Amino acid sequence: MFDLYTAATPNGHKISIALEELALPYELHPINLTALEQKRPEFLAMNPNGRIPVLVDRDAGNFAIFESGAILIYLARRPAG
């Protein structure tokens, strides 16, 4: 199971599309960019760059990965099932 922290931007959409196409379960956590939610300490703890998207893999000890390209590679390389 994954937690996806994202907003309605092209980079944010890439990850939700990939998760849907791979039929992977995830919980969406919308980030309000105009309210600067991506700069709050709890978000910066997951991604010190303060940018969306962030994907947290609950099954891997709450491993947080950020940057859309890195997330897509992570999803493509993870074992099936």
PDB file of N, CA and C in Angstrom:
ATOM      1  N   MET A   1       0.850  -1.182   0.000  1.00  0.00           N
ATOM      2  CA  MET A   1       0.000   0.000   0.000  1.00  0.00           C
ATOM      3  C   MET A   1       0.890   1.237   0.000  1.00  0.00           C
ATOM      4  N   PHE A   2       0.448   2.228  -0.743  1.00  0.00           N
ATOM      5  CA  PHE A   2       1.209   3.461  -0.880  1.00  0.00           C
ATOM      6  C   PHE A   2       0.391   4.653  -0.405  1.00  0.00           C
ATOM      7  N   ASP A   3       1.103   5.698  -0.009  1.00  0.00           N
ATOM      8  CA  ASP A   3       0.520   7.014   0.247  1.00  0.00           C
ATOM      9  C   ASP A   3       1.103   7.935  -0.810  1.00  0.00           C
ATOM     10  N   LEU A   4       0.237   8.618  -1.546  1.00  0.00           N
ATOM     11  CA  LEU A   4       0.670   9.541  -2.578  1.00  0.00           C
ATOM     12  C   LEU A   4       0.312  10.955  -2.164  1.00  0.00           C
ATOM     13  N   TYR A   5       1.325  11.780  -2.013  1.00  0.00           N
ATOM     14  CA  TYR A   5       1.161  13.193  -1.677  1.00  0.00           C
ATOM     15  C   TYR A   5       1.413  13.969  -2.962  1.00  0.00           C
ATOM     16  N   THR A   6       0.362  14.600  -3.494  1.00  0.00           N
ATOM     17  CA  THR A   6       0.493  15.238  -4.790  1.00  0.00           C
ATOM     18  C   THR A   6      -0.518  16.363  -4.961  1.00  0.00           C
ATOM     19  N   ALA A   7      -0.401  17.029  -6.089  1.00  0.00           N
ATOM     20  CA  ALA A   7      -1.334  18.097  -6.469  1.00  0.00           C
ATOM     21  C   ALA A   7      -1.674  17.905  -7.943  1.00  0.00           C
ATOM     22  N   ALA A   8      -2.640  18.659  -8.400  1.00  0.00           N
ATOM     23  CA  ALA A   8      -3.109  18.556  -9.788  1.00  0.00           C
ATOM     24  C   ALA A   8      -2.155  19.303 -10.721  1.00  0.00           C
ATOM     25  N   THR A   9      -0.980  18.718 -10.910  1.00  0.00           N
ATOM     26  CA  THR A   9       0.021  19.255 -11.828  1.00  0.00           C
ATOM     27  C   THR A   9       0.462  18.115 -12.742  1.00  0.00           C
ATOM     28  N   PRO A  10       1.115  18.410 -13.862  1.00  0.00           N
ATOM     29  CA  PRO A  10       1.575  17.318 -14.730  1.00  0.00           C
ATOM     30  C   PRO A  10       2.453  16.290 -13.999  1.00  0.00           C
ATOM     31  N   ASN A  11       3.405  16.754 -13.202  1.00  0.00           N
ATOM     32  CA  ASN A  11       4.244  15.807 -12.465  1.00  0.00           C
ATOM     33  C   ASN A  11       3.438  15.012 -11.446  1.00  0.00           C
ATOM     34  N   GLY A  12       2.474  15.641 -10.847  1.00  0.00           N
ATOM     35  CA  GLY A  12       1.634  14.935  -9.884  1.00  0.00           C
ATOM     36  C   GLY A  12       0.762  13.883 -10.540  1.00  0.00           C
ATOM     37  N   HIS A  13       0.249  14.195 -11.714  1.00  0.00           N
ATOM     38  CA  HIS A  13      -0.617  13.248 -12.426  1.00  0.00           C
ATOM     39  C   HIS A  13       0.129  12.003 -12.875  1.00  0.00           C
ATOM     40  N   LYS A  14       1.408  12.132 -13.218  1.00  0.00           N
ATOM     41  CA  LYS A  14       2.180  10.988 -13.705  1.00  0.00           C
ATOM     42  C   LYS A  14       2.117   9.811 -12.741  1.00  0.00           C
ATOM     43  N   ILE A  15       2.232  10.112 -11.461  1.00  0.00           N
ATOM     44  CA  ILE A  15       2.318   9.037 -10.481  1.00  0.00           C
ATOM     45  C   ILE A  15       0.967   8.381 -10.250  1.00  0.00           C
ATOM     46  N   SER A  16      -0.091   9.172 -10.164  1.00  0.00           N
ATOM     47  CA  SER A  16      -1.413   8.561  -9.985  1.00  0.00           C
ATOM     48  C   SER A  16      -1.787   7.718 -11.198  1.00  0.00           C
ATOM     49  N   ILE A  17      -1.411   8.149 -12.387  1.00  0.00           N
ATOM     50  CA  ILE A  17      -1.676   7.354 -13.593  1.00  0.00           C
ATOM     51  C   ILE A  17      -0.903   6.041 -13.530  1.00  0.00           C
ATOM     52  N   ALA A  18       0.365   6.098 -13.154  1.00  0.00           N
ATOM     53  CA  ALA A  18       1.173   4.877 -13.053  1.00  0.00           C
ATOM     54  C   ALA A  18       0.594   3.916 -12.024  1.00  0.00           C
ATOM     55  N   LEU A  19       0.204   4.428 -10.869  1.00  0.00           N
ATOM     56  CA  LEU A  19      -0.373   3.562  -9.829  1.00  0.00           C
ATOM     57  C   LEU A  19      -1.661   2.904 -10.317  1.00  0.00           C
ATOM     58  N   GLU A  20      -2.477   3.661 -11.018  1.00  0.00           N
ATOM     59  CA  GLU A  20      -3.720   3.105 -11.556  1.00  0.00           C
ATOM     60  C   GLU A  20      -3.433   2.043 -12.614  1.00  0.00           C
ATOM     61  N   GLU A  21      -2.526   2.335 -13.519  1.00  0.00           N
ATOM     62  CA  GLU A  21      -2.208   1.392 -14.592  1.00  0.00           C
ATOM     63  C   GLU A  21      -1.576   0.107 -14.047  1.00  0.00           C
ATOM     64  N   LEU A  22      -0.809   0.222 -12.984  1.00  0.00           N
ATOM     65  CA  LEU A  22      -0.188  -0.953 -12.361  1.00  0.00           C
ATOM     66  C   LEU A  22      -1.126  -1.642 -11.382  1.00  0.00           C
ATOM     67  N   ALA A  23      -2.311  -1.081 -11.181  1.00  0.00           N
ATOM     68  CA  ALA A  23      -3.325  -1.614 -10.255  1.00  0.00           C
ATOM     69  C   ALA A  23      -2.761  -1.768  -8.846  1.00  0.00           C
ATOM     70  N   LEU A  24      -2.009  -0.764  -8.412  1.00  0.00           N
ATOM     71  CA  LEU A  24      -1.437  -0.772  -7.067  1.00  0.00           C
ATOM     72  C   LEU A  24      -2.311   0.051  -6.130  1.00  0.00           C
ATOM     73  N   PRO A  25      -2.559  -0.456  -4.938  1.00  0.00           N
ATOM     74  CA  PRO A  25      -3.400   0.286  -3.998  1.00  0.00           C
ATOM     75  C   PRO A  25      -2.655   1.487  -3.420  1.00  0.00           C
ATOM     76  N   TYR A  26      -3.377   2.598  -3.332  1.00  0.00           N
ATOM     77  CA  TYR A  26      -2.764   3.798  -2.752  1.00  0.00           C
ATOM     78  C   TYR A  26      -3.838   4.679  -2.137  1.00  0.00           C
ATOM     79  N   GLU A  27      -3.383   5.496  -1.218  1.00  0.00           N
ATOM     80  CA  GLU A  27      -4.250   6.507  -0.605  1.00  0.00           C
ATOM     81  C   GLU A  27      -3.739   7.868  -1.048  1.00  0.00           C
ATOM     82  N   LEU A  28      -4.636   8.673  -1.572  1.00  0.00           N
ATOM     83  CA  LEU A  28      -4.277   9.993  -2.079  1.00  0.00           C
ATOM     84  C   LEU A  28      -4.346  11.030  -0.964  1.00  0.00           C
ATOM     85  N   HIS A  29      -3.296  11.843  -0.893  1.00  0.00           N
ATOM     86  CA  HIS A  29      -3.234  12.956   0.058  1.00  0.00           C
ATOM     87  C   HIS A  29      -2.997  14.225  -0.761  1.00  0.00           C
ATOM     88  N   PRO A  30      -4.068  14.960  -1.092  1.00  0.00           N
ATOM     89  CA  PRO A  30      -3.903  16.178  -1.898  1.00  0.00           C
ATOM     90  C   PRO A  30      -3.101  17.241  -1.150  1.00  0.00           C
ATOM     91  N   ILE A  31      -2.201  17.875  -1.852  1.00  0.00           N
ATOM     92  CA  ILE A  31      -1.381  18.949  -1.300  1.00  0.00           C
ATOM     93  C   ILE A  31      -1.821  20.258  -1.939  1.00  0.00           C
ATOM     94  N   ASN A  32      -2.154  21.228  -1.107  1.00  0.00           N
ATOM     95  CA  ASN A  32      -2.579  22.542  -1.588  1.00  0.00           C
ATOM     96  C   ASN A  32      -1.333  23.413  -1.764  1.00  0.00           C
ATOM     97  N   LEU A  33      -0.922  23.553  -3.015  1.00  0.00           N
ATOM     98  CA  LEU A  33       0.292  24.314  -3.297  1.00  0.00           C
ATOM     99  C   LEU A  33       0.142  25.805  -3.015  1.00  0.00           C
ATOM    100  N   THR A  34      -1.048  26.343  -3.221  1.00  0.00           N
ATOM    101  CA  THR A  34      -1.241  27.774  -2.969  1.00  0.00           C
ATOM    102  C   THR A  34      -1.181  28.095  -1.482  1.00  0.00           C
ATOM    103  N   ALA A  35      -1.497  27.120  -0.635  1.00  0.00           N
ATOM    104  CA  ALA A  35      -1.389  27.307   0.817  1.00  0.00           C
ATOM    105  C   ALA A  35       0.001  26.925   1.324  1.00  0.00           C
ATOM    106  N   LEU A  36       0.897  26.582   0.389  1.00  0.00           N
ATOM    107  CA  LEU A  36       2.283  26.205   0.709  1.00  0.00           C
ATOM    108  C   LEU A  36       2.375  24.996   1.644  1.00  0.00           C
ATOM    109  N   GLU A  37       1.429  24.068   1.499  1.00  0.00           N
ATOM    110  CA  GLU A  37       1.472  22.859   2.328  1.00  0.00           C
ATOM    111  C   GLU A  37       2.745  22.056   2.084  1.00  0.00           C
ATOM    112  N   GLN A  38       3.339  22.177   0.901  1.00  0.00           N
ATOM    113  CA  GLN A  38       4.559  21.447   0.585  1.00  0.00           C
ATOM    114  C   GLN A  38       5.780  21.999   1.322  1.00  0.00           C
ATOM    115  N   LYS A  39       5.617  23.106   2.005  1.00  0.00           N
ATOM    116  CA  LYS A  39       6.726  23.709   2.772  1.00  0.00           C
ATOM    117  C   LYS A  39       6.571  23.489   4.279  1.00  0.00           C
ATOM    118  N   ARG A  40       5.526  22.783   4.669  1.00  0.00           N
ATOM    119  CA  ARG A  40       5.313  22.512   6.090  1.00  0.00           C
ATOM    120  C   ARG A  40       6.302  21.455   6.583  1.00  0.00           C
ATOM    121  N   PRO A  41       6.663  21.513   7.856  1.00  0.00           N
ATOM    122  CA  PRO A  41       7.667  20.572   8.389  1.00  0.00           C
ATOM    123  C   PRO A  41       7.330  19.102   8.164  1.00  0.00           C
ATOM    124  N   GLU A  42       6.072  18.728   8.300  1.00  0.00           N
ATOM    125  CA  GLU A  42       5.718  17.319   8.118  1.00  0.00           C
ATOM    126  C   GLU A  42       5.921  16.859   6.672  1.00  0.00           C
ATOM    127  N   PHE A  43       5.731  17.760   5.719  1.00  0.00           N
ATOM    128  CA  PHE A  43       5.991  17.416   4.322  1.00  0.00           C
ATOM    129  C   PHE A  43       7.491  17.420   4.052  1.00  0.00           C
ATOM    130  N   LEU A  44       8.188  18.410   4.572  1.00  0.00           N
ATOM    131  CA  LEU A  44       9.636  18.492   4.370  1.00  0.00           C
ATOM    132  C   LEU A  44      10.371  17.315   4.997  1.00  0.00           C
ATOM    133  N   ALA A  45       9.777  16.668   5.985  1.00  0.00           N
ATOM    134  CA  ALA A  45      10.375  15.459   6.558  1.00  0.00           C
ATOM    135  C   ALA A  45      10.387  14.324   5.539  1.00  0.00           C
ATOM    136  N   MET A  46       9.425  14.326   4.614  1.00  0.00           N
ATOM    137  CA  MET A  46       9.373  13.308   3.561  1.00  0.00           C
ATOM    138  C   MET A  46      10.208  13.714   2.347  1.00  0.00           C
ATOM    139  N   ASN A  47      10.192  15.016   2.030  1.00  0.00           N
ATOM    140  CA  ASN A  47      10.925  15.526   0.878  1.00  0.00           C
ATOM    141  C   ASN A  47      11.525  16.881   1.241  1.00  0.00           C
ATOM    142  N   PRO A  48      12.803  16.905   1.544  1.00  0.00           N
ATOM    143  CA  PRO A  48      13.429  18.168   1.941  1.00  0.00           C
ATOM    144  C   PRO A  48      13.446  19.223   0.844  1.00  0.00           C
ATOM    145  N   ASN A  49      13.171  18.824  -0.412  1.00  0.00           N
ATOM    146  CA  ASN A  49      13.082  19.799  -1.507  1.00  0.00           C
ATOM    147  C   ASN A  49      11.777  20.585  -1.473  1.00  0.00           C
ATOM    148  N   GLY A  50      10.779  20.081  -0.743  1.00  0.00           N
ATOM    149  CA  GLY A  50       9.501  20.773  -0.638  1.00  0.00           C
ATOM    150  C   GLY A  50       8.728  20.800  -1.938  1.00  0.00           C
ATOM    151  N   ARG A  51       8.795  19.694  -2.693  1.00  0.00           N
ATOM    152  CA  ARG A  51       8.096  19.626  -3.975  1.00  0.00           C
ATOM    153  C   ARG A  51       7.275  18.345  -4.041  1.00  0.00           C
ATOM    154  N   ILE A  52       6.215  18.406  -4.836  1.00  0.00           N
ATOM    155  CA  ILE A  52       5.403  17.215  -5.060  1.00  0.00           C
ATOM    156  C   ILE A  52       5.896  16.554  -6.341  1.00  0.00           C
ATOM    157  N   PRO A  53       5.633  15.279  -6.522  1.00  0.00           N
ATOM    158  CA  PRO A  53       4.945  14.322  -5.663  1.00  0.00           C
ATOM    159  C   PRO A  53       5.907  13.620  -4.706  1.00  0.00           C
ATOM    160  N   VAL A  54       5.308  13.017  -3.697  1.00  0.00           N
ATOM    161  CA  VAL A  54       6.026  12.131  -2.781  1.00  0.00           C
ATOM    162  C   VAL A  54       5.208  10.853  -2.673  1.00  0.00           C
ATOM    163  N   LEU A  55       5.892   9.732  -2.771  1.00  0.00           N
ATOM    164  CA  LEU A  55       5.252   8.434  -2.618  1.00  0.00           C
ATOM    165  C   LEU A  55       5.865   7.749  -1.411  1.00  0.00           C
ATOM    166  N   VAL A  56       5.012   7.273  -0.514  1.00  0.00           N
ATOM    167  CA  VAL A  56       5.475   6.548   0.672  1.00  0.00           C
ATOM    168  C   VAL A  56       5.020   5.103   0.519  1.00  0.00           C
ATOM    169  N   ASP A  57       5.989   4.189   0.549  1.00  0.00           N
ATOM    170  CA  ASP A  57       5.717   2.761   0.439  1.00  0.00           C
ATOM    171  C   ASP A  57       5.579   2.208   1.848  1.00  0.00           C
ATOM    172  N   ARG A  58       4.349   1.978   2.258  1.00  0.00           N
ATOM    173  CA  ARG A  58       4.090   1.471   3.607  1.00  0.00           C
ATOM    174  C   ARG A  58       4.684   0.082   3.814  1.00  0.00           C
ATOM    175  N   ASP A  59       4.693  -0.721   2.745  1.00  0.00           N
ATOM    176  CA  ASP A  59       5.191  -2.092   2.841  1.00  0.00           C
ATOM    177  C   ASP A  59       6.711  -2.169   2.925  1.00  0.00           C
ATOM    178  N   ALA A  60       7.375  -1.065   2.724  1.00  0.00           N
ATOM    179  CA  ALA A  60       8.837  -1.008   2.805  1.00  0.00           C
ATOM    180  C   ALA A  60       9.264  -0.117   3.969  1.00  0.00           C
ATOM    181  N   GLY A  61       8.561  -0.230   5.083  1.00  0.00           N
ATOM    182  CA  GLY A  61       8.918   0.548   6.274  1.00  0.00           C
ATOM    183  C   GLY A  61       8.697   2.030   6.130  1.00  0.00           C
ATOM    184  N   ASN A  62       7.629   2.414   5.414  1.00  0.00           N
ATOM    185  CA  ASN A  62       7.301   3.825   5.173  1.00  0.00           C
ATOM    186  C   ASN A  62       8.421   4.564   4.434  1.00  0.00           C
ATOM    187  N   PHE A  63       9.003   3.854   3.471  1.00  0.00           N
ATOM    188  CA  PHE A  63      10.055   4.425   2.641  1.00  0.00           C
ATOM    189  C   PHE A  63       9.463   5.526   1.773  1.00  0.00           C
ATOM    190  N   ALA A  64      10.015   6.727   1.874  1.00  0.00           N
ATOM    191  CA  ALA A  64       9.534   7.873   1.096  1.00  0.00           C
ATOM    192  C   ALA A  64      10.460   8.110  -0.085  1.00  0.00           C
ATOM    193  N   ILE A  65       9.861   8.285  -1.247  1.00  0.00           N
ATOM    194  CA  ILE A  65      10.621   8.587  -2.448  1.00  0.00           C
ATOM    195  C   ILE A  65       9.968   9.783  -3.131  1.00  0.00           C
ATOM    196  N   PHE A  66      10.795  10.651  -3.697  1.00  0.00           N
ATOM    197  CA  PHE A  66      10.270  11.861  -4.324  1.00  0.00           C
ATOM    198  C   PHE A  66      10.942  12.080  -5.671  1.00  0.00           C
ATOM    199  N   GLU A  67      10.445  13.047  -6.415  1.00  0.00           N
ATOM    200  CA  GLU A  67      10.790  13.334  -7.802  1.00  0.00           C
ATOM    201  C   GLU A  67      10.080  12.311  -8.680  1.00  0.00           C
ATOM    202  N   SER A  68       9.289  12.787  -9.617  1.00  0.00           N
ATOM    203  CA  SER A  68       8.418  11.906 -10.400  1.00  0.00           C
ATOM    204  C   SER A  68       9.189  10.834 -11.157  1.00  0.00           C
ATOM    205  N   GLY A  69      10.313  11.172 -11.741  1.00  0.00           N
ATOM    206  CA  GLY A  69      11.104  10.178 -12.469  1.00  0.00           C
ATOM    207  C   GLY A  69      11.607   9.073 -11.557  1.00  0.00           C
ATOM    208  N   ALA A  70      12.098   9.434 -10.390  1.00  0.00           N
ATOM    209  CA  ALA A  70      12.585   8.441  -9.429  1.00  0.00           C
ATOM    210  C   ALA A  70      11.451   7.548  -8.943  1.00  0.00           C
ATOM    211  N   ILE A  71      10.280   8.128  -8.740  1.00  0.00           N
ATOM    212  CA  ILE A  71       9.121   7.335  -8.298  1.00  0.00           C
ATOM    213  C   ILE A  71       8.729   6.344  -9.387  1.00  0.00           C
ATOM    214  N   LEU A  72       8.696   6.780 -10.639  1.00  0.00           N
ATOM    215  CA  LEU A  72       8.325   5.886 -11.732  1.00  0.00           C
ATOM    216  C   LEU A  72       9.317   4.728 -11.865  1.00  0.00           C
ATOM    217  N   ILE A  73      10.599   5.006 -11.727  1.00  0.00           N
ATOM    218  CA  ILE A  73      11.603   3.936 -11.764  1.00  0.00           C
ATOM    219  C   ILE A  73      11.400   2.981 -10.602  1.00  0.00           C
ATOM    220  N   TYR A  74      11.150   3.516  -9.417  1.00  0.00           N
ATOM    221  CA  TYR A  74      10.913   2.683  -8.242  1.00  0.00           C
ATOM    222  C   TYR A  74       9.727   1.752  -8.468  1.00  0.00           C
ATOM    223  N   LEU A  75       8.636   2.286  -8.991  1.00  0.00           N
ATOM    224  CA  LEU A  75       7.457   1.476  -9.245  1.00  0.00           C
ATOM    225  C   LEU A  75       7.713   0.407 -10.309  1.00  0.00           C
ATOM    226  N   ALA A  76       8.476   0.751 -11.332  1.00  0.00           N
ATOM    227  CA  ALA A  76       8.756  -0.203 -12.407  1.00  0.00           C
ATOM    228  C   ALA A  76       9.651  -1.338 -11.946  1.00  0.00           C
ATOM    229  N   ARG A  77      10.532  -1.060 -10.984  1.00  0.00           N
ATOM    230  CA  ARG A  77      11.497  -2.074 -10.535  1.00  0.00           C
ATOM    231  C   ARG A  77      11.035  -2.897  -9.350  1.00  0.00           C
ATOM    232  N   ARG A  78       9.937  -2.501  -8.738  1.00  0.00           N
ATOM    233  CA  ARG A  78       9.505  -3.245  -7.542  1.00  0.00           C
ATOM    234  C   ARG A  78       8.938  -4.586  -7.963  1.00  0.00           C
ATOM    235  N   PRO A  79       9.127  -5.595  -7.117  1.00  0.00           N
ATOM    236  CA  PRO A  79       8.608  -6.919  -7.459  1.00  0.00           C
ATOM    237  C   PRO A  79       7.085  -6.917  -7.559  1.00  0.00           C
ATOM    238  N   ALA A  80       6.563  -7.707  -8.472  1.00  0.00           N
ATOM    239  CA  ALA A  80       5.106  -7.829  -8.619  1.00  0.00           C
ATOM    240  C   ALA A  80       4.530  -8.582  -7.433  1.00  0.00           C
ATOM    241  N   GLY A  81       3.279  -8.266  -7.135  1.00  0.00           N
ATOM    242  CA  GLY A  81       2.572  -8.977  -6.084  1.00  0.00           C
ATOM    243  C   GLY A  81       2.664  -8.270  -4.822  1.00  0.00           C
TER     244      GLY A  81
END
